Amino acid sequence: MIPLLLILIPLLSGLAVFLLKDSPASKALALVSSLATLVLSLMAVFTKGALTYDAAWLPGLGSRFSLLQDGMSKMLSLLTAISFPVVFVATYKNVYQRSSAFYGLMLLTQAGLLGVFLASDALLFYFFWELALIPVYFLCSIWGGEKRIAVTFKFFVYTFIGSLLMLVGLLYVYAQTADHSFAMQSFYHANLPAHAQNGVFALFFIAFAIKMPIFPFHTWQPDAYEQSPTAVTMILSGVMVKMGIFAVIRWLLPMVPQGFHGHSMFVILLSVTGMIYASLIAIRQDDIKRLIAYSSIAHIGLMCAAIFVQNQIGLEGVMIQMFNHGINVIGLWIVADVIEQQLGTRKFSELGGLAQKAPVLAILFVIMALANVALPLTNAFVGEFLMFNGLFQYNGWIAAVAGISIILAAVYTLNTIQKIFYGNTVEKTVHAVEVSGNVQWVLSILVLIVLVMGVYPQPMIELTKDTVSAIFANR
């Protein structure tokens, strides 16, 4: 029942929040719901073996309400469950018009995300894929920045095209299954011919690549991250991009192995190109949000490349990094939100000397920023080491080019730390104050996760190793 409850709690709570008119009450219910989801997710992590739930749904179409929570799903469910209370607490003092609608849509997004990570039926997976995206569209278009309408329209066009292509692919594979079923195992054993696998690969990969996103499907992302409310951006960057990575591993790799192998070099080259491109663009940014957005594109590019090298060590690195990247990037977004809320700017050119006024915030940000560039003894180091190792085993030259992004990441990260926190105070920072207690607590918890996972990542490796082994055993 745990997989079902993980979806039902945020879904029903989100619908209940819509009925509340009182802002503190809607905010409190959203936080309580997210904490209940976190407790359930932790229970799942400490339960041995995979958890399942299966019930009749659309028998006439061969589709069931079937959920599977294996190691990878447990890890991503935990990331989702951690992210929402962290976001709610960190932005607790932020004021939103029609807050009941805002928090209701946030909880519906959480339900959709958890459904994507748990679904073991292709039609159910598609249903939750859309459920996760629709609330985000409204969150961005109603509570976003000045350019929100144009940006959300672009976001809608990208995601609509991706969803349409995926639906075509789903229906085609469904027609080829022996039992005309949307069950995951039926899709895995559809035995598509090689020429059909290439077409199905293209349909699914474009949909997943838009969601990750990787070069050249990334152009919606920086604008969406910049214009969205920061609480929404945290979920977009920390959790929602993992939908695409997860879908490639869960559905694309086992479903069309020949098509996957045939396009692997092409996708790896796209991913590495995106890593270098995004890192160079990040160096030139004067806006904190856009810098974090481009940094995220570079990190996702490495994860995508490590999947397509098709070796076990690279995929183990991806598993760990999906969780660690989510923790790190949410920490960075929290600091960006604190700076914007307190000082009214996100521009590096208008900041400086903030460490003199907020030394605790400076220390916490430096740790999160260095974790983002995979400094040894931080959580991201282990994942990036494994992914680069896998990439090197595939092709040393490609690994060497991809490694340039490490140097570029250090450049823009150190520049960010220096421009925001060091030097002399300026007009906007001279009256800055230390970060509030709830934000300190949230960032401290994230820093603790960063350090513990950096020193002892074995629990996460143990959690996902069976999923990795099963993927390669079934190829």
Protein backbone atom coordinates (compact mmCIF):
# COMPACT_ATOMS: atom_id res chain seq x y z
CA MET A 1 0.00 0.00 0.00
CA ILE A 2 2.94 2.38 0.47
CA PRO A 3 3.30 3.16 -3.28
CA LEU A 4 -0.42 3.97 -3.51
CA LEU A 5 -0.39 6.13 -0.37
CA LEU A 6 2.62 8.04 -1.66
CA ILE A 7 0.46 9.25 -4.55
CA LEU A 8 -2.84 9.60 -2.68
CA ILE A 9 -1.56 11.78 0.18
CA PRO A 10 -0.37 14.73 -1.96
CA LEU A 11 -3.22 14.23 -4.45
CA LEU A 12 -6.01 14.37 -1.86
CA SER A 13 -4.22 17.03 0.19
CA GLY A 14 -3.80 19.16 -2.92
CA LEU A 15 -7.52 18.95 -3.68
CA ALA A 16 -8.32 19.79 -0.04
CA VAL A 17 -6.00 22.82 -0.07
CA PHE A 18 -7.95 24.26 -3.01
CA LEU A 19 -10.99 24.50 -0.73
CA LEU A 20 -9.21 26.55 1.92
CA LYS A 21 -9.40 30.33 1.82
CA ASP A 22 -7.04 31.02 4.70
CA SER A 23 -3.42 31.46 3.60
CA PRO A 24 -1.75 30.15 6.80
CA ALA A 25 -4.05 27.12 6.81
CA SER A 26 -3.30 26.19 3.18
CA LYS A 27 0.41 26.62 3.77
CA ALA A 28 0.30 24.51 6.95
CA LEU A 29 -1.71 21.72 5.32
CA ALA A 30 0.69 21.59 2.39
CA LEU A 31 3.64 21.29 4.78
CA VAL A 32 1.97 18.59 6.90
CA SER A 33 1.07 16.63 3.76
CA SER A 34 4.64 16.83 2.45
CA LEU A 35 6.03 15.67 5.80
CA ALA A 36 3.63 12.69 5.82
CA THR A 37 4.82 11.79 2.32
CA LEU A 38 8.43 12.01 3.53
CA VAL A 39 7.73 9.61 6.40
CA LEU A 40 6.13 7.10 4.01
CA SER A 41 9.03 7.43 1.58
CA LEU A 42 11.53 6.71 4.37
CA MET A 43 9.48 3.65 5.36
CA ALA A 44 9.73 2.43 1.76
CA VAL A 45 13.50 2.96 1.69
CA PHE A 46 13.96 0.86 4.83
CA THR A 47 11.69 -1.91 3.53
CA LYS A 48 13.62 -4.70 1.86
CA GLY A 49 12.75 -5.64 -1.68
CA ALA A 50 10.51 -3.98 -4.24
CA LEU A 51 7.07 -2.71 -3.24
CA THR A 52 4.13 -3.16 -5.60
CA TYR A 53 0.48 -2.28 -5.96
CA ASP A 54 -1.87 -3.54 -8.67
CA ALA A 55 -5.56 -2.91 -9.29
CA ALA A 56 -7.97 -2.88 -12.21
CA TRP A 57 -8.09 0.45 -14.06
CA LEU A 58 -8.93 0.29 -17.79
CA PRO A 59 -9.37 -3.43 -18.54
CA GLY A 60 -10.80 -2.79 -21.99
CA LEU A 61 -7.51 -1.17 -23.03
CA GLY A 62 -5.28 -3.67 -21.25
CA SER A 63 -4.12 -1.10 -18.73
CA ARG A 64 -3.94 -1.56 -14.95
CA PHE A 65 -3.22 0.77 -12.05
CA SER A 66 0.12 -0.93 -11.51
CA LEU A 67 2.88 0.56 -9.34
CA LEU A 68 6.44 -0.66 -8.76
CA GLN A 69 8.82 0.80 -6.19
CA ASP A 70 12.23 -0.77 -6.75
CA GLY A 71 15.56 0.75 -5.71
CA MET A 72 15.57 3.49 -8.34
CA SER A 73 11.95 4.41 -7.61
CA LYS A 74 12.62 4.44 -3.88
CA MET A 75 15.55 6.79 -4.40
CA LEU A 76 13.60 9.21 -6.61
CA SER A 77 10.53 9.01 -4.36
CA LEU A 78 12.79 9.96 -1.45
CA LEU A 79 14.24 12.88 -3.41
CA THR A 80 10.72 14.09 -4.23
CA ALA A 81 9.58 13.62 -0.65
CA ILE A 82 12.55 15.56 0.73
CA SER A 83 12.29 18.36 -1.82
CA PHE A 84 8.73 19.52 -1.15
CA PRO A 85 8.93 20.09 2.64
CA VAL A 86 12.35 21.68 2.14
CA VAL A 87 10.87 24.07 -0.43
CA PHE A 88 7.81 24.81 1.71
CA VAL A 89 9.88 25.57 4.82
CA ALA A 90 12.54 27.59 2.98
CA THR A 91 9.90 29.78 1.30
CA TYR A 92 7.45 29.80 4.23
CA LYS A 93 7.59 33.59 4.58
CA ASN A 94 6.97 34.19 0.87
CA VAL A 95 3.53 35.62 0.18
CA TYR A 96 1.48 34.40 -2.79
CA GLN A 97 -1.83 35.75 -4.01
CA ARG A 98 -4.43 32.99 -3.99
CA SER A 99 -2.08 30.90 -1.88
CA SER A 100 -4.54 28.01 -1.58
CA ALA A 101 -4.40 27.54 -5.36
CA PHE A 102 -0.60 27.86 -5.33
CA TYR A 103 -0.08 25.17 -2.68
CA GLY A 104 -2.80 22.98 -4.14
CA LEU A 105 -1.07 22.98 -7.52
CA MET A 106 2.29 22.28 -5.86
CA LEU A 107 0.87 19.18 -4.16
CA LEU A 108 -0.72 17.99 -7.40
CA THR A 109 2.69 18.35 -9.02
CA GLN A 110 4.17 16.17 -6.28
CA ALA A 111 1.50 13.53 -6.85
CA GLY A 112 2.26 13.54 -10.57
CA LEU A 113 6.00 13.25 -10.02
CA LEU A 114 5.62 10.33 -7.62
CA GLY A 115 3.25 8.64 -10.08
CA VAL A 116 5.83 8.93 -12.87
CA PHE A 117 8.50 7.32 -10.68
CA LEU A 118 6.19 4.51 -9.51
CA ALA A 119 4.11 3.59 -12.58
CA SER A 120 4.79 0.18 -14.14
CA ASP A 121 2.04 0.52 -16.74
CA ALA A 122 2.85 2.60 -19.82
CA LEU A 123 -0.55 4.32 -20.06
CA LEU A 124 -0.50 5.07 -16.32
CA PHE A 125 3.02 6.44 -16.74
CA TYR A 126 1.77 8.77 -19.48
CA PHE A 127 -1.17 9.87 -17.31
CA PHE A 128 1.11 10.86 -14.44
CA TRP A 129 3.59 12.47 -16.85
CA GLU A 130 0.86 14.87 -17.89
CA LEU A 131 -0.42 15.31 -14.32
CA ALA A 132 3.02 16.49 -13.25
CA LEU A 133 3.31 19.00 -16.10
CA ILE A 134 -0.12 20.64 -16.14
CA PRO A 135 0.03 22.18 -12.63
CA VAL A 136 3.50 23.55 -13.37
CA TYR A 137 2.14 25.37 -16.40
CA PHE A 138 -0.41 27.18 -14.23
CA LEU A 139 2.11 27.83 -11.45
CA CYS A 140 4.45 29.52 -13.90
CA SER A 141 1.80 31.44 -15.84
CA ILE A 142 -0.02 32.83 -12.79
CA TRP A 143 2.76 33.46 -10.26
CA GLY A 144 5.74 33.95 -12.60
CA GLY A 145 7.68 37.07 -13.58
CA GLU A 146 6.95 39.82 -16.08
CA LYS A 147 7.66 37.64 -19.13
CA ARG A 148 5.76 34.64 -17.76
CA ILE A 149 3.12 34.45 -20.51
CA ALA A 150 5.61 34.18 -23.38
CA VAL A 151 7.86 31.83 -21.40
CA THR A 152 5.06 29.50 -20.30
CA PHE A 153 3.71 29.39 -23.85
CA LYS A 154 7.14 28.25 -25.04
CA PHE A 155 7.26 25.72 -22.21
CA PHE A 156 3.78 24.47 -23.20
CA VAL A 157 4.70 24.10 -26.88
CA TYR A 158 7.85 22.11 -26.08
CA THR A 159 6.15 19.80 -23.59
CA PHE A 160 3.02 19.37 -25.73
CA ILE A 161 5.08 18.29 -28.74
CA GLY A 162 7.11 15.92 -26.57
CA SER A 163 3.97 14.42 -25.00
CA LEU A 164 2.33 13.98 -28.40
CA LEU A 165 5.37 12.16 -29.79
CA MET A 166 5.49 9.92 -26.73
CA LEU A 167 1.80 9.09 -27.06
CA VAL A 168 2.31 8.05 -30.69
CA GLY A 169 5.19 5.82 -29.60
CA LEU A 170 3.14 4.30 -26.77
CA LEU A 171 0.26 3.43 -29.08
CA TYR A 172 2.58 1.89 -31.66
CA VAL A 173 4.39 -0.33 -29.14
CA TYR A 174 1.04 -1.25 -27.54
CA ALA A 175 -0.17 -2.49 -30.93
CA GLN A 176 2.94 -4.69 -31.24
CA THR A 177 2.63 -6.34 -27.81
CA ALA A 178 1.61 -10.01 -27.83
CA ASP A 179 -1.19 -9.53 -25.28
CA HIS A 180 -2.20 -5.98 -26.30
CA SER A 181 -1.29 -4.69 -22.87
CA PHE A 182 0.31 -1.52 -21.53
CA ALA A 183 2.13 -3.52 -18.83
CA MET A 184 5.81 -2.67 -18.51
CA GLN A 185 6.96 -6.25 -19.14
CA SER A 186 4.78 -6.44 -22.26
CA PHE A 187 6.48 -3.31 -23.60
CA TYR A 188 9.90 -4.77 -22.77
CA HIS A 189 9.15 -7.94 -24.74
CA ALA A 190 7.36 -6.39 -27.72
CA ASN A 191 10.22 -7.66 -29.96
CA LEU A 192 10.17 -4.71 -32.30
CA PRO A 193 12.19 -5.12 -35.53
CA ALA A 194 15.35 -3.01 -35.88
CA HIS A 195 13.87 -0.43 -38.25
CA ALA A 196 10.86 0.05 -35.96
CA GLN A 197 13.12 0.39 -32.92
CA ASN A 198 14.83 3.37 -34.52
CA GLY A 199 11.52 5.16 -35.04
CA VAL A 200 10.22 4.34 -31.56
CA PHE A 201 13.52 5.46 -30.06
CA ALA A 202 13.21 8.84 -31.79
CA LEU A 203 9.62 9.36 -30.59
CA PHE A 204 10.37 8.58 -26.96
CA PHE A 205 13.82 10.13 -26.80
CA ILE A 206 12.70 13.54 -28.06
CA ALA A 207 9.97 13.61 -25.39
CA PHE A 208 12.43 12.66 -22.66
CA ALA A 209 15.21 14.93 -23.97
CA ILE A 210 12.89 17.95 -23.84
CA LYS A 211 12.10 17.19 -20.22
CA MET A 212 15.72 16.66 -19.10
CA PRO A 213 16.59 18.88 -21.09
CA ILE A 214 19.70 18.26 -23.17
CA PHE A 215 21.18 20.24 -26.06
CA PRO A 216 19.55 21.32 -28.39
CA PHE A 217 16.18 20.78 -26.65
CA HIS A 218 17.13 23.00 -23.73
CA THR A 219 16.10 26.47 -24.88
CA TRP A 220 12.88 26.58 -22.83
CA GLN A 221 14.69 25.89 -19.58
CA PRO A 222 16.69 29.04 -18.65
CA ASP A 223 13.71 31.30 -19.37
CA ALA A 224 11.32 29.06 -17.45
CA TYR A 225 13.66 28.88 -14.45
CA GLU A 226 14.13 32.64 -14.49
CA GLN A 227 10.45 33.57 -14.76
CA SER A 228 8.95 30.89 -12.49
CA PRO A 229 8.44 31.52 -8.76
CA THR A 230 11.60 30.26 -7.08
CA ALA A 231 9.68 27.57 -5.17
CA VAL A 232 8.50 26.17 -8.51
CA THR A 233 11.96 26.51 -10.03
CA MET A 234 13.37 24.40 -7.19
CA ILE A 235 11.01 21.57 -8.10
CA LEU A 236 11.59 21.98 -11.83
CA SER A 237 15.36 21.85 -11.43
CA GLY A 238 15.70 19.52 -8.47
CA VAL A 239 13.09 16.87 -9.27
CA MET A 240 11.21 17.34 -12.55
CA VAL A 241 14.25 17.08 -14.83
CA LYS A 242 14.81 13.62 -13.31
CA MET A 243 11.60 12.51 -15.02
CA GLY A 244 13.42 12.45 -18.35
CA ILE A 245 16.49 10.65 -17.02
CA PHE A 246 14.34 8.12 -15.16
CA ALA A 247 12.18 7.50 -18.24
CA VAL A 248 15.22 6.79 -20.43
CA ILE A 249 16.43 4.19 -17.94
CA ARG A 250 13.06 2.66 -17.06
CA TRP A 251 11.39 2.61 -20.47
CA LEU A 252 13.68 3.45 -23.38
CA LEU A 253 16.74 1.32 -22.61
CA PRO A 254 14.92 -2.01 -22.02
CA MET A 255 12.20 -1.41 -24.65
CA VAL A 256 14.34 -0.66 -27.74
CA PRO A 257 17.85 -1.97 -26.98
CA GLN A 258 18.92 -2.02 -30.64
CA GLY A 259 17.65 1.49 -31.30
CA PHE A 260 19.28 2.62 -28.06
CA HIS A 261 22.64 1.14 -29.01
CA GLY A 262 22.46 2.48 -32.56
CA HIS A 263 21.96 6.07 -31.42
CA SER A 264 24.24 6.01 -28.39
CA MET A 265 27.22 7.82 -29.95
CA PHE A 266 24.98 10.54 -31.41
CA VAL A 267 23.30 11.20 -28.05
CA ILE A 268 26.60 11.16 -26.17
CA LEU A 269 28.04 13.76 -28.55
CA LEU A 270 24.92 15.92 -28.11
CA SER A 271 25.19 15.60 -24.34
CA VAL A 272 28.90 16.48 -24.19
CA THR A 273 28.36 19.42 -26.56
CA GLY A 274 25.62 20.64 -24.24
CA MET A 275 27.89 20.31 -21.20
CA ILE A 276 30.56 22.56 -22.70
CA TYR A 277 28.09 24.98 -24.26
CA ALA A 278 26.04 25.41 -21.07
CA SER A 279 29.16 25.83 -18.93
CA LEU A 280 30.52 28.56 -21.21
CA ILE A 281 27.17 30.36 -21.19
CA ALA A 282 27.02 30.09 -17.39
CA ILE A 283 30.35 31.92 -17.08
CA ARG A 284 28.88 34.91 -18.91
CA GLN A 285 25.71 35.23 -16.80
CA ASP A 286 24.92 38.21 -14.57
CA ASP A 287 21.78 36.63 -13.11
CA ILE A 288 21.92 34.00 -10.35
CA LYS A 289 18.90 32.11 -11.64
CA ARG A 290 20.18 31.86 -15.20
CA LEU A 291 23.61 30.73 -14.00
CA ILE A 292 22.09 27.91 -11.95
CA ALA A 293 19.88 27.00 -14.92
CA TYR A 294 22.81 26.62 -17.31
CA SER A 295 24.81 24.79 -14.64
CA SER A 296 21.95 22.31 -14.35
CA ILE A 297 21.97 21.73 -18.13
CA ALA A 298 25.65 20.80 -17.91
CA HIS A 299 25.07 18.34 -15.06
CA ILE A 300 22.11 16.71 -16.79
CA GLY A 301 24.20 16.38 -19.96
CA LEU A 302 26.76 14.31 -18.07
CA MET A 303 24.04 12.06 -16.66
CA CYS A 304 22.56 11.51 -20.12
CA ALA A 305 25.96 10.69 -21.60
CA ALA A 306 26.68 8.24 -18.77
CA ILE A 307 23.43 6.38 -19.47
CA PHE A 308 24.20 5.97 -23.16
CA VAL A 309 27.73 4.59 -22.63
CA GLN A 310 25.81 1.48 -21.49
CA ASN A 311 28.16 0.22 -18.84
CA GLN A 312 27.32 -0.61 -15.25
CA ILE A 313 29.68 1.80 -13.51
CA GLY A 314 28.36 4.76 -15.48
CA LEU A 315 24.75 3.86 -14.71
CA GLU A 316 25.54 3.44 -11.01
CA GLY A 317 26.94 6.97 -11.09
CA VAL A 318 23.74 8.26 -12.71
CA MET A 319 21.62 6.66 -9.99
CA ILE A 320 23.57 8.39 -7.23
CA GLN A 321 23.81 11.68 -9.08
CA MET A 322 20.09 11.96 -9.73
CA PHE A 323 19.58 12.20 -5.98
CA ASN A 324 22.64 14.31 -5.23
CA HIS A 325 22.07 16.83 -8.00
CA GLY A 326 18.54 17.39 -6.72
CA ILE A 327 19.78 18.10 -3.18
CA ASN A 328 22.56 20.43 -4.35
CA VAL A 329 20.60 22.48 -6.85
CA ILE A 330 17.69 23.02 -4.44
CA GLY A 331 20.19 24.37 -1.91
CA LEU A 332 21.50 26.83 -4.50
CA TRP A 333 17.97 27.94 -5.40
CA ILE A 334 17.16 28.56 -1.74
CA VAL A 335 20.09 30.97 -1.48
CA ALA A 336 19.05 32.65 -4.72
CA ASP A 337 15.54 33.10 -3.31
CA VAL A 338 16.86 34.53 -0.02
CA ILE A 339 18.97 37.08 -1.89
CA GLU A 340 16.13 38.09 -4.21
CA GLN A 341 13.55 38.36 -1.42
CA GLN A 342 15.82 40.39 0.85
CA LEU A 343 17.75 42.57 -1.60
CA GLY A 344 15.38 42.76 -4.57
CA THR A 345 17.99 41.72 -7.13
CA ARG A 346 19.56 38.62 -8.67
CA LYS A 347 22.34 40.40 -10.56
CA PHE A 348 25.96 39.75 -9.61
CA SER A 349 26.85 43.28 -10.71
CA GLU A 350 24.60 44.67 -7.95
CA LEU A 351 25.93 42.41 -5.17
CA GLY A 352 29.08 42.11 -3.11
CA GLY A 353 30.37 41.74 0.44
CA LEU A 354 27.33 39.77 1.62
CA ALA A 355 29.52 37.54 3.82
CA GLN A 356 30.12 40.53 6.11
CA LYS A 357 26.38 40.84 6.76
CA ALA A 358 25.31 37.18 6.56
CA PRO A 359 28.30 34.95 7.42
CA VAL A 360 26.17 31.87 8.13
CA LEU A 361 24.50 32.12 4.73
CA ALA A 362 27.94 32.52 3.14
CA ILE A 363 29.28 29.36 4.77
CA LEU A 364 26.23 27.29 3.84
CA PHE A 365 26.24 28.56 0.25
CA VAL A 366 29.96 27.88 -0.22
CA ILE A 367 29.48 24.25 0.84
CA MET A 368 26.50 23.79 -1.49
CA ALA A 369 28.31 25.52 -4.37
CA LEU A 370 31.45 23.40 -3.97
CA ALA A 371 29.29 20.28 -3.81
CA ASN A 372 27.75 21.37 -7.10
CA VAL A 373 31.21 21.20 -8.73
CA ALA A 374 31.85 17.76 -7.17
CA LEU A 375 34.55 18.71 -4.67
CA PRO A 376 35.94 15.53 -3.03
CA LEU A 377 34.14 14.60 0.22
CA THR A 378 30.91 16.14 -1.05
CA ASN A 379 28.03 14.06 -2.36
CA ALA A 380 28.41 14.90 -6.07
CA PHE A 381 32.03 13.71 -6.21
CA VAL A 382 31.14 10.02 -6.03
CA GLY A 383 28.51 10.19 -8.73
CA GLU A 384 30.61 12.27 -11.12
CA PHE A 385 33.64 10.03 -10.54
CA LEU A 386 31.62 6.96 -11.51
CA MET A 387 30.05 8.67 -14.53
CA PHE A 388 33.38 9.94 -15.87
CA ASN A 389 34.86 6.49 -15.25
CA GLY A 390 32.08 4.95 -17.34
CA LEU A 391 32.55 7.58 -20.04
CA PHE A 392 36.32 6.96 -20.07
CA GLN A 393 35.80 3.21 -20.51
CA TYR A 394 33.58 4.00 -23.50
CA ASN A 395 35.87 6.54 -25.18
CA GLY A 396 38.82 8.31 -23.61
CA TRP A 397 38.72 11.29 -25.97
CA ILE A 398 35.07 11.98 -25.32
CA ALA A 399 35.70 11.72 -21.59
CA ALA A 400 38.57 14.21 -21.90
CA VAL A 401 36.40 16.75 -23.72
CA ALA A 402 33.59 16.27 -21.21
CA GLY A 403 36.13 16.79 -18.42
CA ILE A 404 36.66 20.38 -19.59
CA SER A 405 33.26 21.13 -18.05
CA ILE A 406 34.76 20.44 -14.61
CA ILE A 407 37.22 23.30 -15.08
CA LEU A 408 34.51 25.59 -16.46
CA ALA A 409 32.21 24.73 -13.54
CA ALA A 410 34.95 25.68 -11.09
CA VAL A 411 35.36 29.02 -12.90
CA TYR A 412 31.73 30.09 -12.74
CA THR A 413 31.23 28.71 -9.23
CA LEU A 414 34.23 30.52 -7.73
CA ASN A 415 33.25 33.70 -9.59
CA THR A 416 29.75 33.43 -8.13
CA ILE A 417 31.04 33.04 -4.58
CA GLN A 418 33.43 35.95 -5.00
CA LYS A 419 30.93 38.32 -6.63
CA ILE A 420 28.11 37.72 -4.14
CA PHE A 421 29.81 37.22 -0.80
CA TYR A 422 33.26 38.78 -0.89
CA GLY A 423 34.74 42.19 -1.59
CA ASN A 424 33.18 45.37 -0.25
CA THR A 425 29.52 45.82 0.47
CA VAL A 426 27.55 47.82 -2.08
CA GLU A 427 24.36 49.85 -1.98
CA LYS A 428 22.03 46.85 -2.00
CA THR A 429 24.00 44.72 0.49
CA VAL A 430 25.02 47.32 3.06
CA HIS A 431 21.75 46.84 4.98
CA ALA A 432 21.50 43.06 4.48
CA VAL A 433 20.80 40.88 7.51
CA GLU A 434 21.50 37.27 8.40
CA VAL A 435 19.24 34.62 6.92
CA SER A 436 16.18 33.61 8.95
CA GLY A 437 16.14 30.58 11.23
CA ASN A 438 13.93 28.33 9.13
CA VAL A 439 16.16 28.85 6.08
CA GLN A 440 19.26 28.18 8.19
CA TRP A 441 17.76 24.91 9.39
CA VAL A 442 16.79 23.78 5.90
CA LEU A 443 20.19 24.64 4.41
CA SER A 444 21.93 22.97 7.34
CA ILE A 445 19.97 19.75 6.72
CA LEU A 446 20.93 19.85 3.03
CA VAL A 447 24.58 20.48 3.94
CA LEU A 448 24.45 17.50 6.30
CA ILE A 449 23.15 15.30 3.47
CA VAL A 450 25.91 16.64 1.20
CA LEU A 451 28.65 15.75 3.68
CA VAL A 452 27.25 12.38 4.79
CA MET A 453 26.69 11.23 1.21
CA GLY A 454 30.14 12.50 0.27
CA VAL A 455 31.87 10.53 3.00
CA TYR A 456 29.66 7.42 2.97
CA PRO A 457 27.64 6.94 -0.26
CA GLN A 458 27.31 3.17 0.19
CA PRO A 459 23.63 3.21 1.33
CA MET A 460 22.57 4.87 -1.92
CA ILE A 461 24.70 2.45 -3.95
CA GLU A 462 23.12 -0.50 -2.11
CA LEU A 463 19.63 0.93 -2.65
CA THR A 464 19.98 1.09 -6.44
CA LYS A 465 22.43 -1.72 -7.27
CA ASP A 466 19.72 -4.32 -7.83
CA THR A 467 17.99 -2.04 -10.35
CA VAL A 468 21.26 -1.52 -12.23
CA SER A 469 22.01 -5.25 -12.22
CA ALA A 470 18.51 -6.08 -13.47
CA ILE A 471 18.79 -3.60 -16.34
CA PHE A 472 21.98 -5.20 -17.64
CA ALA A 473 20.81 -8.75 -16.95
CA ASN A 474 17.70 -8.26 -19.11
CA ARG A 475 19.49 -6.72 -22.09
